[in-house]
């Protein structure tokens, strides 16, 4: 069986902490690939401004193109409405029955897992991988039972921070890959 990690997110924009997360999970769990899956409409961001899917996907493609085991996986972008993990996992498991999937989440999301849509069913379909995030030390029964924690270097970089820096005219160099920075500038994303 192939072992594939799925790193979902808005990726608005993708940044080095996303890439570091994927790299650490890939090596520490000895996976075959990592798929970066931009969400169409994340349920927790409904009503908030999210950049157009075409831009978010292109930034993921640019950020991952030079790593042979990283792949942009635009599966959720083709579906209308909010992106629920349970629906996505069911569908991709049908498409790829000979793959063990590892769903990667930040440590800050672990406390919310019990509230995810149909989580009791989801934990039987996919293995959850949690990565440590600054200020979050999940240590509850749920985390111990269903989440494999992977240590990684800590960084305070987030998509929100990057958008704020850009709106304030500050440099984001080294926060995102050079190709992503260039794409943001060329397409005037985030009021650049």
N, C-alpha and C. Protein backbone atom coordinates (compact mmCIF):
# COMPACT_ATOMS: atom_id res chain seq x y z
N UNK A 1 0.84 -1.20 0.00
CA UNK A 1 0.00 0.00 0.00
C UNK A 1 0.88 1.25 0.00
N UNK A 2 0.51 2.20 -0.83
CA UNK A 2 1.18 3.49 -0.81
C UNK A 2 0.71 4.26 0.42
N UNK A 3 1.59 5.10 0.92
CA UNK A 3 1.27 5.96 2.06
C UNK A 3 1.37 7.40 1.60
N UNK A 4 0.21 8.08 1.59
CA UNK A 4 0.18 9.46 1.10
C UNK A 4 -0.38 10.38 2.16
N UNK A 5 0.34 11.45 2.41
CA UNK A 5 -0.12 12.48 3.32
C UNK A 5 -0.91 13.53 2.57
N UNK A 6 -1.98 14.00 3.17
CA UNK A 6 -2.78 15.08 2.58
C UNK A 6 -2.68 16.28 3.51
N UNK A 7 -2.19 17.37 2.94
CA UNK A 7 -2.14 18.63 3.69
C UNK A 7 -3.16 19.55 3.04
N UNK A 8 -4.30 19.70 3.68
CA UNK A 8 -5.34 20.56 3.17
C UNK A 8 -5.23 21.94 3.78
N UNK A 9 -5.84 22.89 3.13
CA UNK A 9 -5.84 24.25 3.67
C UNK A 9 -6.29 25.25 2.63
N UNK A 10 -6.42 26.47 3.06
CA UNK A 10 -6.81 27.53 2.15
C UNK A 10 -5.62 27.92 1.28
N UNK A 11 -4.41 27.90 1.86
CA UNK A 11 -3.18 28.27 1.15
C UNK A 11 -3.34 29.65 0.51
N UNK A 12 -3.62 30.63 1.36
CA UNK A 12 -3.92 31.99 0.90
C UNK A 12 -3.00 33.02 1.54
N UNK A 13 -1.67 32.94 1.30
CA UNK A 13 -0.93 32.08 0.38
C UNK A 13 -0.27 30.90 1.10
N UNK A 14 0.23 29.94 0.30
CA UNK A 14 1.07 28.89 0.83
C UNK A 14 2.38 29.53 1.29
N UNK A 15 2.98 28.99 2.36
CA UNK A 15 4.21 29.59 2.89
C UNK A 15 5.15 28.51 3.41
N UNK A 16 6.30 28.94 3.93
CA UNK A 16 7.34 27.97 4.30
C UNK A 16 6.92 27.07 5.45
N UNK A 17 6.04 27.50 6.32
CA UNK A 17 5.61 26.62 7.41
C UNK A 17 4.79 25.45 6.86
N UNK A 18 4.00 25.68 5.80
CA UNK A 18 3.29 24.58 5.14
C UNK A 18 4.30 23.58 4.58
N UNK A 19 5.31 24.10 3.91
CA UNK A 19 6.31 23.24 3.27
C UNK A 19 7.14 22.50 4.31
N UNK A 20 7.51 23.17 5.39
CA UNK A 20 8.25 22.51 6.47
C UNK A 20 7.42 21.40 7.09
N UNK A 21 6.14 21.66 7.30
CA UNK A 21 5.24 20.66 7.86
C UNK A 21 5.22 19.42 6.98
N UNK A 22 5.00 19.63 5.69
CA UNK A 22 4.93 18.50 4.75
C UNK A 22 6.24 17.73 4.73
N UNK A 23 7.34 18.43 4.75
CA UNK A 23 8.67 17.78 4.71
C UNK A 23 8.90 16.92 5.96
N UNK A 24 8.57 17.46 7.11
CA UNK A 24 8.78 16.72 8.35
C UNK A 24 7.89 15.47 8.41
N UNK A 25 6.63 15.61 8.05
CA UNK A 25 5.72 14.46 8.07
C UNK A 25 6.17 13.41 7.06
N UNK A 26 6.54 13.87 5.87
CA UNK A 26 7.00 12.95 4.82
C UNK A 26 8.15 12.07 5.33
N UNK A 27 9.16 12.70 5.91
CA UNK A 27 10.34 11.95 6.35
C UNK A 27 10.09 11.15 7.63
N UNK A 28 9.44 11.77 8.61
CA UNK A 28 9.28 11.09 9.90
C UNK A 28 8.33 9.89 9.83
N UNK A 29 7.34 9.95 8.94
CA UNK A 29 6.40 8.84 8.81
C UNK A 29 6.71 7.96 7.60
N UNK A 30 7.78 8.30 6.89
CA UNK A 30 8.23 7.54 5.72
C UNK A 30 7.09 7.35 4.71
N UNK A 31 6.50 8.47 4.33
CA UNK A 31 5.42 8.45 3.35
C UNK A 31 5.99 8.39 1.93
N UNK A 32 5.13 8.08 0.99
CA UNK A 32 5.54 8.04 -0.42
C UNK A 32 5.36 9.40 -1.10
N UNK A 33 4.32 10.13 -0.71
CA UNK A 33 4.04 11.44 -1.30
C UNK A 33 3.29 12.30 -0.30
N UNK A 34 3.29 13.60 -0.57
CA UNK A 34 2.42 14.55 0.14
C UNK A 34 1.61 15.27 -0.92
N UNK A 35 0.29 15.26 -0.75
CA UNK A 35 -0.60 16.00 -1.64
C UNK A 35 -1.08 17.26 -0.92
N UNK A 36 -0.87 18.41 -1.56
CA UNK A 36 -1.35 19.69 -1.05
C UNK A 36 -2.72 19.94 -1.68
N UNK A 37 -3.75 20.00 -0.85
CA UNK A 37 -5.12 20.08 -1.34
C UNK A 37 -5.78 21.39 -0.93
N UNK A 38 -5.78 22.38 -1.84
CA UNK A 38 -6.48 23.63 -1.51
C UNK A 38 -7.97 23.40 -1.34
N UNK A 39 -8.55 23.97 -0.31
CA UNK A 39 -9.98 23.86 -0.05
C UNK A 39 -10.73 24.83 -0.96
N UNK A 40 -11.90 24.38 -1.43
CA UNK A 40 -12.73 25.28 -2.24
C UNK A 40 -13.30 26.38 -1.34
N UNK A 41 -14.15 26.00 -0.42
CA UNK A 41 -14.69 26.93 0.57
C UNK A 41 -14.58 26.24 1.93
N UNK A 42 -13.53 26.56 2.70
CA UNK A 42 -13.43 25.94 4.02
C UNK A 42 -14.63 26.33 4.88
N UNK A 43 -15.29 25.35 5.52
CA UNK A 43 -16.48 25.67 6.32
C UNK A 43 -16.22 26.73 7.39
N UNK A 44 -15.01 26.74 7.96
CA UNK A 44 -14.71 27.71 9.01
C UNK A 44 -14.38 29.10 8.47
N UNK A 45 -14.35 29.25 7.11
CA UNK A 45 -14.05 30.56 6.53
C UNK A 45 -15.18 31.08 5.67
N UNK A 46 -16.35 30.46 5.75
CA UNK A 46 -17.49 30.95 4.98
C UNK A 46 -17.79 32.38 5.42
N UNK A 47 -18.02 33.24 4.43
CA UNK A 47 -18.32 34.63 4.73
C UNK A 47 -17.08 35.51 4.82
N UNK A 48 -15.89 34.91 4.84
CA UNK A 48 -14.65 35.68 4.87
C UNK A 48 -14.06 35.73 3.46
N UNK A 49 -13.28 36.77 3.18
CA UNK A 49 -12.67 36.87 1.86
C UNK A 49 -11.56 35.82 1.73
N UNK A 50 -11.63 35.07 0.65
CA UNK A 50 -10.60 34.11 0.31
C UNK A 50 -10.25 34.37 -1.16
N UNK A 51 -8.96 34.38 -1.47
CA UNK A 51 -8.54 34.62 -2.85
C UNK A 51 -9.12 33.57 -3.78
N UNK A 52 -9.23 33.92 -5.05
CA UNK A 52 -9.79 33.01 -6.04
C UNK A 52 -8.99 31.71 -6.07
N UNK A 53 -9.71 30.62 -6.29
CA UNK A 53 -9.10 29.29 -6.29
C UNK A 53 -7.97 29.17 -7.30
N UNK A 54 -8.12 29.80 -8.46
CA UNK A 54 -7.09 29.69 -9.49
C UNK A 54 -5.75 30.23 -8.98
N UNK A 55 -5.79 31.30 -8.19
CA UNK A 55 -4.56 31.88 -7.66
C UNK A 55 -3.97 31.00 -6.56
N UNK A 56 -4.82 30.50 -5.67
CA UNK A 56 -4.33 29.66 -4.57
C UNK A 56 -3.72 28.37 -5.10
N UNK A 57 -4.36 27.78 -6.12
CA UNK A 57 -3.81 26.56 -6.72
C UNK A 57 -2.49 26.85 -7.41
N UNK A 58 -2.41 27.92 -8.15
CA UNK A 58 -1.16 28.25 -8.85
C UNK A 58 -0.02 28.45 -7.86
N UNK A 59 -0.29 29.11 -6.74
CA UNK A 59 0.77 29.30 -5.74
C UNK A 59 1.22 27.97 -5.16
N UNK A 60 0.28 27.04 -4.93
CA UNK A 60 0.65 25.70 -4.45
C UNK A 60 1.50 24.99 -5.49
N UNK A 61 1.11 25.07 -6.76
CA UNK A 61 1.88 24.43 -7.82
C UNK A 61 3.30 24.99 -7.88
N UNK A 62 3.42 26.30 -7.80
CA UNK A 62 4.75 26.94 -7.84
C UNK A 62 5.60 26.52 -6.64
N UNK A 63 4.99 26.45 -5.48
CA UNK A 63 5.74 26.13 -4.26
C UNK A 63 6.20 24.68 -4.22
N UNK A 64 5.49 23.79 -4.91
CA UNK A 64 5.78 22.36 -4.79
C UNK A 64 6.46 21.77 -6.02
N UNK A 65 6.60 22.53 -7.08
CA UNK A 65 7.04 21.99 -8.36
C UNK A 65 8.44 21.39 -8.35
N UNK A 66 9.31 21.81 -7.48
CA UNK A 66 10.68 21.31 -7.51
C UNK A 66 10.92 20.12 -6.57
N UNK A 67 9.89 19.68 -5.86
CA UNK A 67 10.02 18.56 -4.92
C UNK A 67 9.26 17.37 -5.51
N UNK A 68 9.97 16.31 -5.83
CA UNK A 68 9.36 15.19 -6.57
C UNK A 68 8.22 14.51 -5.82
N UNK A 69 8.25 14.53 -4.50
CA UNK A 69 7.22 13.84 -3.72
C UNK A 69 6.13 14.78 -3.21
N UNK A 70 6.16 16.04 -3.60
CA UNK A 70 5.10 17.00 -3.31
C UNK A 70 4.25 17.17 -4.56
N UNK A 71 2.92 17.19 -4.38
CA UNK A 71 2.02 17.35 -5.52
C UNK A 71 0.85 18.25 -5.16
N UNK A 72 0.49 19.13 -6.07
CA UNK A 72 -0.73 19.91 -5.92
C UNK A 72 -1.89 18.98 -6.27
N UNK A 73 -2.90 18.95 -5.43
CA UNK A 73 -4.05 18.05 -5.61
C UNK A 73 -5.32 18.89 -5.53
N UNK A 74 -5.81 19.39 -6.68
CA UNK A 74 -6.93 20.35 -6.66
C UNK A 74 -8.31 19.71 -6.56
N UNK A 75 -8.41 18.56 -5.98
CA UNK A 75 -9.65 17.79 -5.96
C UNK A 75 -10.84 18.59 -5.44
N UNK A 76 -10.68 19.26 -4.31
CA UNK A 76 -11.83 19.97 -3.71
C UNK A 76 -12.24 21.21 -4.51
N UNK A 77 -11.34 21.72 -5.34
CA UNK A 77 -11.65 22.94 -6.08
C UNK A 77 -12.70 22.71 -7.17
N UNK A 78 -12.91 21.46 -7.54
CA UNK A 78 -13.88 21.16 -8.60
C UNK A 78 -15.29 20.96 -8.05
N UNK A 79 -15.42 20.97 -6.72
CA UNK A 79 -16.74 20.75 -6.11
C UNK A 79 -17.33 22.07 -5.63
N UNK A 80 -18.65 22.24 -5.82
CA UNK A 80 -19.28 23.46 -5.30
C UNK A 80 -19.54 23.34 -3.80
N UNK A 81 -19.72 24.48 -3.17
CA UNK A 81 -20.09 24.48 -1.75
C UNK A 81 -18.91 24.27 -0.83
N UNK A 82 -19.20 24.21 0.47
CA UNK A 82 -18.14 24.03 1.46
C UNK A 82 -17.42 22.69 1.29
N UNK A 83 -16.15 22.67 1.69
CA UNK A 83 -15.34 21.46 1.59
C UNK A 83 -15.34 20.75 2.95
N UNK A 84 -16.04 19.63 3.02
CA UNK A 84 -16.03 18.84 4.25
C UNK A 84 -15.08 17.67 4.08
N UNK A 85 -14.21 17.48 5.05
CA UNK A 85 -13.17 16.46 4.97
C UNK A 85 -13.76 15.07 4.79
N UNK A 86 -14.85 14.76 5.47
CA UNK A 86 -15.44 13.42 5.38
C UNK A 86 -15.83 13.09 3.94
N UNK A 87 -16.45 14.04 3.26
CA UNK A 87 -16.87 13.82 1.88
C UNK A 87 -15.66 13.60 0.98
N UNK A 88 -14.65 14.44 1.13
CA UNK A 88 -13.44 14.34 0.32
C UNK A 88 -12.74 13.01 0.54
N UNK A 89 -12.55 12.63 1.79
CA UNK A 89 -11.83 11.39 2.08
C UNK A 89 -12.58 10.18 1.54
N UNK A 90 -13.89 10.15 1.72
CA UNK A 90 -14.68 9.03 1.17
C UNK A 90 -14.46 8.91 -0.33
N UNK A 91 -14.53 10.03 -1.03
CA UNK A 91 -14.40 10.02 -2.49
C UNK A 91 -13.00 9.62 -2.94
N UNK A 92 -11.98 10.16 -2.31
CA UNK A 92 -10.63 9.82 -2.77
C UNK A 92 -10.23 8.40 -2.38
N UNK A 93 -10.79 7.89 -1.29
CA UNK A 93 -10.53 6.48 -0.95
C UNK A 93 -11.17 5.56 -1.99
N UNK A 94 -12.31 5.95 -2.54
CA UNK A 94 -12.92 5.17 -3.63
C UNK A 94 -12.06 5.24 -4.89
N UNK A 95 -11.49 6.41 -5.15
CA UNK A 95 -10.64 6.59 -6.33
C UNK A 95 -9.29 5.89 -6.19
N UNK A 96 -8.77 5.84 -4.98
CA UNK A 96 -7.44 5.27 -4.72
C UNK A 96 -7.53 4.23 -3.61
N UNK A 97 -8.12 3.06 -3.90
CA UNK A 97 -8.35 2.07 -2.84
C UNK A 97 -7.08 1.42 -2.28
N UNK A 98 -5.96 1.56 -2.98
CA UNK A 98 -4.73 0.92 -2.52
C UNK A 98 -3.78 1.93 -1.88
N UNK A 99 -4.36 2.96 -1.27
CA UNK A 99 -3.57 4.00 -0.62
C UNK A 99 -4.02 4.15 0.83
N UNK A 100 -3.06 4.23 1.73
CA UNK A 100 -3.33 4.63 3.11
C UNK A 100 -3.13 6.14 3.18
N UNK A 101 -4.16 6.85 3.59
CA UNK A 101 -4.07 8.31 3.64
C UNK A 101 -3.82 8.79 5.07
N UNK A 102 -2.97 9.80 5.17
CA UNK A 102 -2.61 10.44 6.43
C UNK A 102 -3.01 11.90 6.30
N UNK A 103 -3.97 12.32 7.11
CA UNK A 103 -4.48 13.69 7.02
C UNK A 103 -3.74 14.56 8.03
N UNK A 104 -3.02 15.54 7.52
CA UNK A 104 -2.12 16.37 8.33
C UNK A 104 -2.85 17.62 8.81
N UNK A 105 -2.79 17.86 10.12
CA UNK A 105 -3.41 19.05 10.70
C UNK A 105 -2.45 19.70 11.68
N UNK A 106 -2.61 21.00 11.86
CA UNK A 106 -1.81 21.73 12.83
C UNK A 106 -2.27 21.42 14.24
N UNK A 107 -1.36 21.51 15.18
CA UNK A 107 -1.68 21.23 16.57
C UNK A 107 -2.84 22.05 17.10
N UNK A 108 -3.03 23.24 16.53
CA UNK A 108 -4.13 24.10 16.96
C UNK A 108 -5.49 23.56 16.56
N UNK A 109 -5.53 22.65 15.57
CA UNK A 109 -6.80 22.10 15.10
C UNK A 109 -7.22 20.85 15.87
N UNK A 110 -6.31 20.25 16.60
CA UNK A 110 -6.60 18.98 17.27
C UNK A 110 -7.75 19.12 18.27
N UNK A 111 -7.77 20.22 19.00
CA UNK A 111 -8.84 20.41 19.98
C UNK A 111 -10.21 20.53 19.32
N UNK A 112 -10.23 20.93 18.02
CA UNK A 112 -11.50 21.08 17.30
C UNK A 112 -11.95 19.79 16.61
N UNK A 113 -11.08 18.81 16.51
CA UNK A 113 -11.43 17.57 15.81
C UNK A 113 -12.75 16.95 16.26
N UNK A 114 -13.02 16.88 17.56
CA UNK A 114 -14.30 16.27 17.97
C UNK A 114 -15.52 16.99 17.40
N UNK A 115 -15.36 18.23 16.93
CA UNK A 115 -16.47 19.00 16.39
C UNK A 115 -16.57 18.90 14.87
N UNK A 116 -15.62 18.22 14.24
CA UNK A 116 -15.65 18.09 12.78
C UNK A 116 -16.86 17.29 12.34
N UNK A 117 -17.34 17.60 11.16
CA UNK A 117 -18.50 16.92 10.57
C UNK A 117 -18.24 15.42 10.44
N UNK A 118 -19.07 14.60 11.09
CA UNK A 118 -19.00 13.13 11.05
C UNK A 118 -17.62 12.59 11.44
N UNK A 119 -17.04 13.18 12.45
CA UNK A 119 -15.68 12.80 12.86
C UNK A 119 -15.59 11.34 13.30
N UNK A 120 -16.65 10.80 13.92
CA UNK A 120 -16.60 9.41 14.36
C UNK A 120 -16.41 8.44 13.20
N UNK A 121 -16.94 8.79 12.06
CA UNK A 121 -16.76 7.97 10.86
C UNK A 121 -15.40 8.27 10.22
N UNK A 122 -15.03 9.53 10.22
CA UNK A 122 -13.78 9.97 9.56
C UNK A 122 -12.54 9.30 10.17
N UNK A 123 -12.51 9.13 11.48
CA UNK A 123 -11.32 8.54 12.12
C UNK A 123 -11.12 7.08 11.71
N UNK A 124 -12.14 6.46 11.13
CA UNK A 124 -12.00 5.09 10.64
C UNK A 124 -11.54 5.04 9.19
N UNK A 125 -11.53 6.18 8.52
CA UNK A 125 -11.15 6.24 7.10
C UNK A 125 -9.74 6.75 6.86
N UNK A 126 -9.22 7.52 7.79
CA UNK A 126 -7.94 8.18 7.58
C UNK A 126 -7.17 8.24 8.89
N UNK A 127 -5.85 8.28 8.79
CA UNK A 127 -5.01 8.45 9.98
C UNK A 127 -4.72 9.95 10.12
N UNK A 128 -4.94 10.49 11.31
CA UNK A 128 -4.65 11.90 11.55
C UNK A 128 -3.22 12.07 12.04
N UNK A 129 -2.56 13.08 11.47
CA UNK A 129 -1.21 13.43 11.87
C UNK A 129 -1.25 14.88 12.34
N UNK A 130 -0.81 15.11 13.56
CA UNK A 130 -0.77 16.46 14.10
C UNK A 130 0.65 16.96 14.16
N UNK A 131 0.85 18.22 13.81
CA UNK A 131 2.18 18.83 13.93
C UNK A 131 2.11 19.92 14.97
N UNK A 132 3.15 20.01 15.75
CA UNK A 132 3.19 21.01 16.82
C UNK A 132 3.17 22.41 16.24
N UNK A 133 2.39 23.30 16.87
CA UNK A 133 2.31 24.69 16.48
C UNK A 133 2.63 25.54 17.70
N UNK A 134 3.21 26.73 17.50
CA UNK A 134 3.53 27.59 18.64
C UNK A 134 2.30 27.88 19.49
N UNK A 135 2.42 27.68 20.79
CA UNK A 135 1.35 27.99 21.72
C UNK A 135 0.30 26.91 21.87
N UNK A 136 0.44 25.80 21.15
CA UNK A 136 -0.54 24.72 21.24
C UNK A 136 0.15 23.42 21.63
N UNK A 137 -0.26 22.87 22.75
CA UNK A 137 0.26 21.58 23.19
C UNK A 137 -0.92 20.66 23.46
N UNK A 138 -1.47 20.07 22.41
CA UNK A 138 -2.63 19.21 22.62
C UNK A 138 -2.28 18.01 23.48
N UNK A 139 -3.01 17.84 24.53
CA UNK A 139 -2.77 16.69 25.41
C UNK A 139 -4.12 16.31 26.01
N UNK A 140 -4.91 15.67 25.17
CA UNK A 140 -6.20 15.21 25.63
C UNK A 140 -6.42 13.78 25.16
N UNK A 141 -7.44 13.16 25.68
CA UNK A 141 -7.70 11.76 25.35
C UNK A 141 -7.92 11.56 23.86
N UNK A 142 -8.61 12.50 23.24
CA UNK A 142 -8.88 12.42 21.82
C UNK A 142 -7.58 12.41 21.02
N UNK A 143 -6.69 13.33 21.35
CA UNK A 143 -5.41 13.42 20.64
C UNK A 143 -4.61 12.14 20.82
N UNK A 144 -4.56 11.63 22.03
CA UNK A 144 -3.78 10.41 22.28
C UNK A 144 -4.34 9.22 21.53
N UNK A 145 -5.64 9.16 21.36
CA UNK A 145 -6.27 8.00 20.72
C UNK A 145 -6.22 8.05 19.20
N UNK A 146 -6.40 9.23 18.61
CA UNK A 146 -6.58 9.32 17.17
C UNK A 146 -5.52 10.10 16.39
N UNK A 147 -4.59 10.74 17.05
CA UNK A 147 -3.66 11.61 16.34
C UNK A 147 -2.21 11.21 16.61
N UNK A 148 -1.47 10.99 15.54
CA UNK A 148 -0.03 10.73 15.63
C UNK A 148 0.65 12.08 15.56
N UNK A 149 1.35 12.46 16.63
CA UNK A 149 2.01 13.76 16.66
C UNK A 149 3.40 13.67 16.03
N UNK A 150 3.75 14.69 15.26
CA UNK A 150 5.06 14.78 14.62
C UNK A 150 5.71 16.08 15.08
N UNK A 151 6.88 15.99 15.73
CA UNK A 151 7.57 17.21 16.14
C UNK A 151 8.15 17.93 14.92
N UNK A 152 8.23 19.23 15.02
CA UNK A 152 8.85 20.00 13.94
C UNK A 152 9.31 21.35 14.47
N UNK A 153 10.23 21.99 13.73
CA UNK A 153 10.67 23.33 14.15
C UNK A 153 9.49 24.28 14.21
N UNK A 154 9.50 25.16 15.18
CA UNK A 154 8.39 26.08 15.38
C UNK A 154 8.63 27.40 14.65
N UNK A 155 7.58 27.90 14.03
CA UNK A 155 7.63 29.20 13.37
C UNK A 155 6.29 29.89 13.56
N UNK A 156 6.33 31.18 13.65
CA UNK A 156 5.11 31.97 13.84
C UNK A 156 4.51 32.41 12.51
N UNK A 157 5.06 31.94 11.39
CA UNK A 157 4.59 32.37 10.08
C UNK A 157 3.21 31.77 9.79
N UNK A 158 2.32 32.62 9.30
CA UNK A 158 0.97 32.17 8.92
C UNK A 158 0.54 32.96 7.69
N UNK A 159 -0.46 32.47 7.00
CA UNK A 159 -0.99 33.20 5.84
C UNK A 159 -1.54 34.55 6.26
N UNK A 160 -2.19 34.60 7.43
CA UNK A 160 -2.72 35.86 7.94
C UNK A 160 -1.60 36.88 8.15
N UNK A 161 -0.50 36.44 8.76
CA UNK A 161 0.65 37.33 8.98
C UNK A 161 1.19 37.84 7.65
N UNK A 162 1.31 36.96 6.68
CA UNK A 162 1.84 37.36 5.37
C UNK A 162 0.93 38.40 4.71
N UNK A 163 -0.37 38.17 4.74
CA UNK A 163 -1.30 39.15 4.15
C UNK A 163 -1.20 40.50 4.87
N UNK A 164 -1.05 40.47 6.19
CA UNK A 164 -0.90 41.71 6.96
C UNK A 164 0.38 42.43 6.58
N UNK A 165 1.48 41.69 6.48
CA UNK A 165 2.75 42.29 6.07
C UNK A 165 2.60 42.96 4.71
N UNK A 166 1.98 42.27 3.76
CA UNK A 166 1.83 42.83 2.43
C UNK A 166 0.98 44.10 2.44
N UNK A 167 -0.11 44.09 3.20
CA UNK A 167 -0.97 45.27 3.27
C UNK A 167 -0.24 46.46 3.90
N UNK A 168 0.73 46.16 4.76
CA UNK A 168 1.50 47.22 5.42
C UNK A 168 2.77 47.57 4.68
N UNK A 169 2.96 46.98 3.49
CA UNK A 169 4.15 47.29 2.69
C UNK A 169 5.43 46.67 3.21
N UNK A 170 5.32 45.64 4.05
CA UNK A 170 6.50 44.99 4.60
C UNK A 170 6.94 43.81 3.73
N UNK A 171 8.18 43.45 3.84
CA UNK A 171 8.74 42.35 3.05
C UNK A 171 8.26 40.99 3.54
N UNK A 172 7.98 40.10 2.59
CA UNK A 172 7.66 38.71 2.92
C UNK A 172 8.74 37.76 2.40
N UNK A 173 9.86 38.33 2.01
CA UNK A 173 10.95 37.51 1.50
C UNK A 173 11.33 36.45 2.54
N UNK A 174 11.53 35.24 2.10
CA UNK A 174 11.86 34.06 2.91
C UNK A 174 10.67 33.50 3.68
N UNK A 175 9.52 34.17 3.65
CA UNK A 175 8.31 33.60 4.26
C UNK A 175 7.58 32.70 3.28
N UNK A 176 7.73 33.01 2.00
CA UNK A 176 7.14 32.21 0.93
C UNK A 176 8.26 31.92 -0.07
N UNK A 177 8.13 30.84 -0.85
CA UNK A 177 9.11 30.60 -1.90
C UNK A 177 9.18 31.78 -2.86
N UNK A 178 10.33 32.01 -3.46
CA UNK A 178 10.51 33.14 -4.37
C UNK A 178 9.47 33.16 -5.49
N UNK A 179 9.15 31.97 -6.02
CA UNK A 179 8.18 31.89 -7.12
C UNK A 179 6.80 32.35 -6.67
N UNK A 180 6.45 32.06 -5.44
CA UNK A 180 5.15 32.48 -4.89
C UNK A 180 5.15 33.99 -4.68
N UNK A 181 6.25 34.52 -4.15
CA UNK A 181 6.36 35.97 -3.95
C UNK A 181 6.20 36.71 -5.28
N UNK A 182 6.87 36.22 -6.30
CA UNK A 182 6.79 36.83 -7.63
C UNK A 182 5.36 36.76 -8.17
N UNK A 183 4.71 35.62 -7.99
CA UNK A 183 3.33 35.46 -8.47
C UNK A 183 2.39 36.43 -7.75
N UNK A 184 2.55 36.58 -6.45
CA UNK A 184 1.73 37.52 -5.68
C UNK A 184 1.89 38.93 -6.23
N UNK A 185 3.14 39.31 -6.47
CA UNK A 185 3.41 40.67 -6.97
C UNK A 185 2.87 40.87 -8.38
N UNK A 186 3.09 39.90 -9.26
CA UNK A 186 2.64 40.03 -10.65
C UNK A 186 1.13 40.07 -10.78
N UNK A 187 0.43 39.40 -9.86
CA UNK A 187 -1.03 39.34 -9.94
C UNK A 187 -1.73 40.29 -8.97
N UNK A 188 -0.93 41.12 -8.30
CA UNK A 188 -1.46 42.16 -7.40
C UNK A 188 -2.40 41.58 -6.34
N UNK A 189 -2.01 40.40 -5.79
CA UNK A 189 -2.80 39.79 -4.74
C UNK A 189 -2.55 40.52 -3.42
N UNK A 190 -3.51 40.52 -2.56
CA UNK A 190 -3.40 41.08 -1.21
C UNK A 190 -3.03 42.57 -1.22
N UNK A 191 -3.54 43.28 -2.21
CA UNK A 191 -3.32 44.74 -2.30
C UNK A 191 -1.86 45.10 -2.44
N UNK A 192 -1.07 44.27 -3.11
CA UNK A 192 0.36 44.59 -3.32
C UNK A 192 0.46 45.60 -4.44
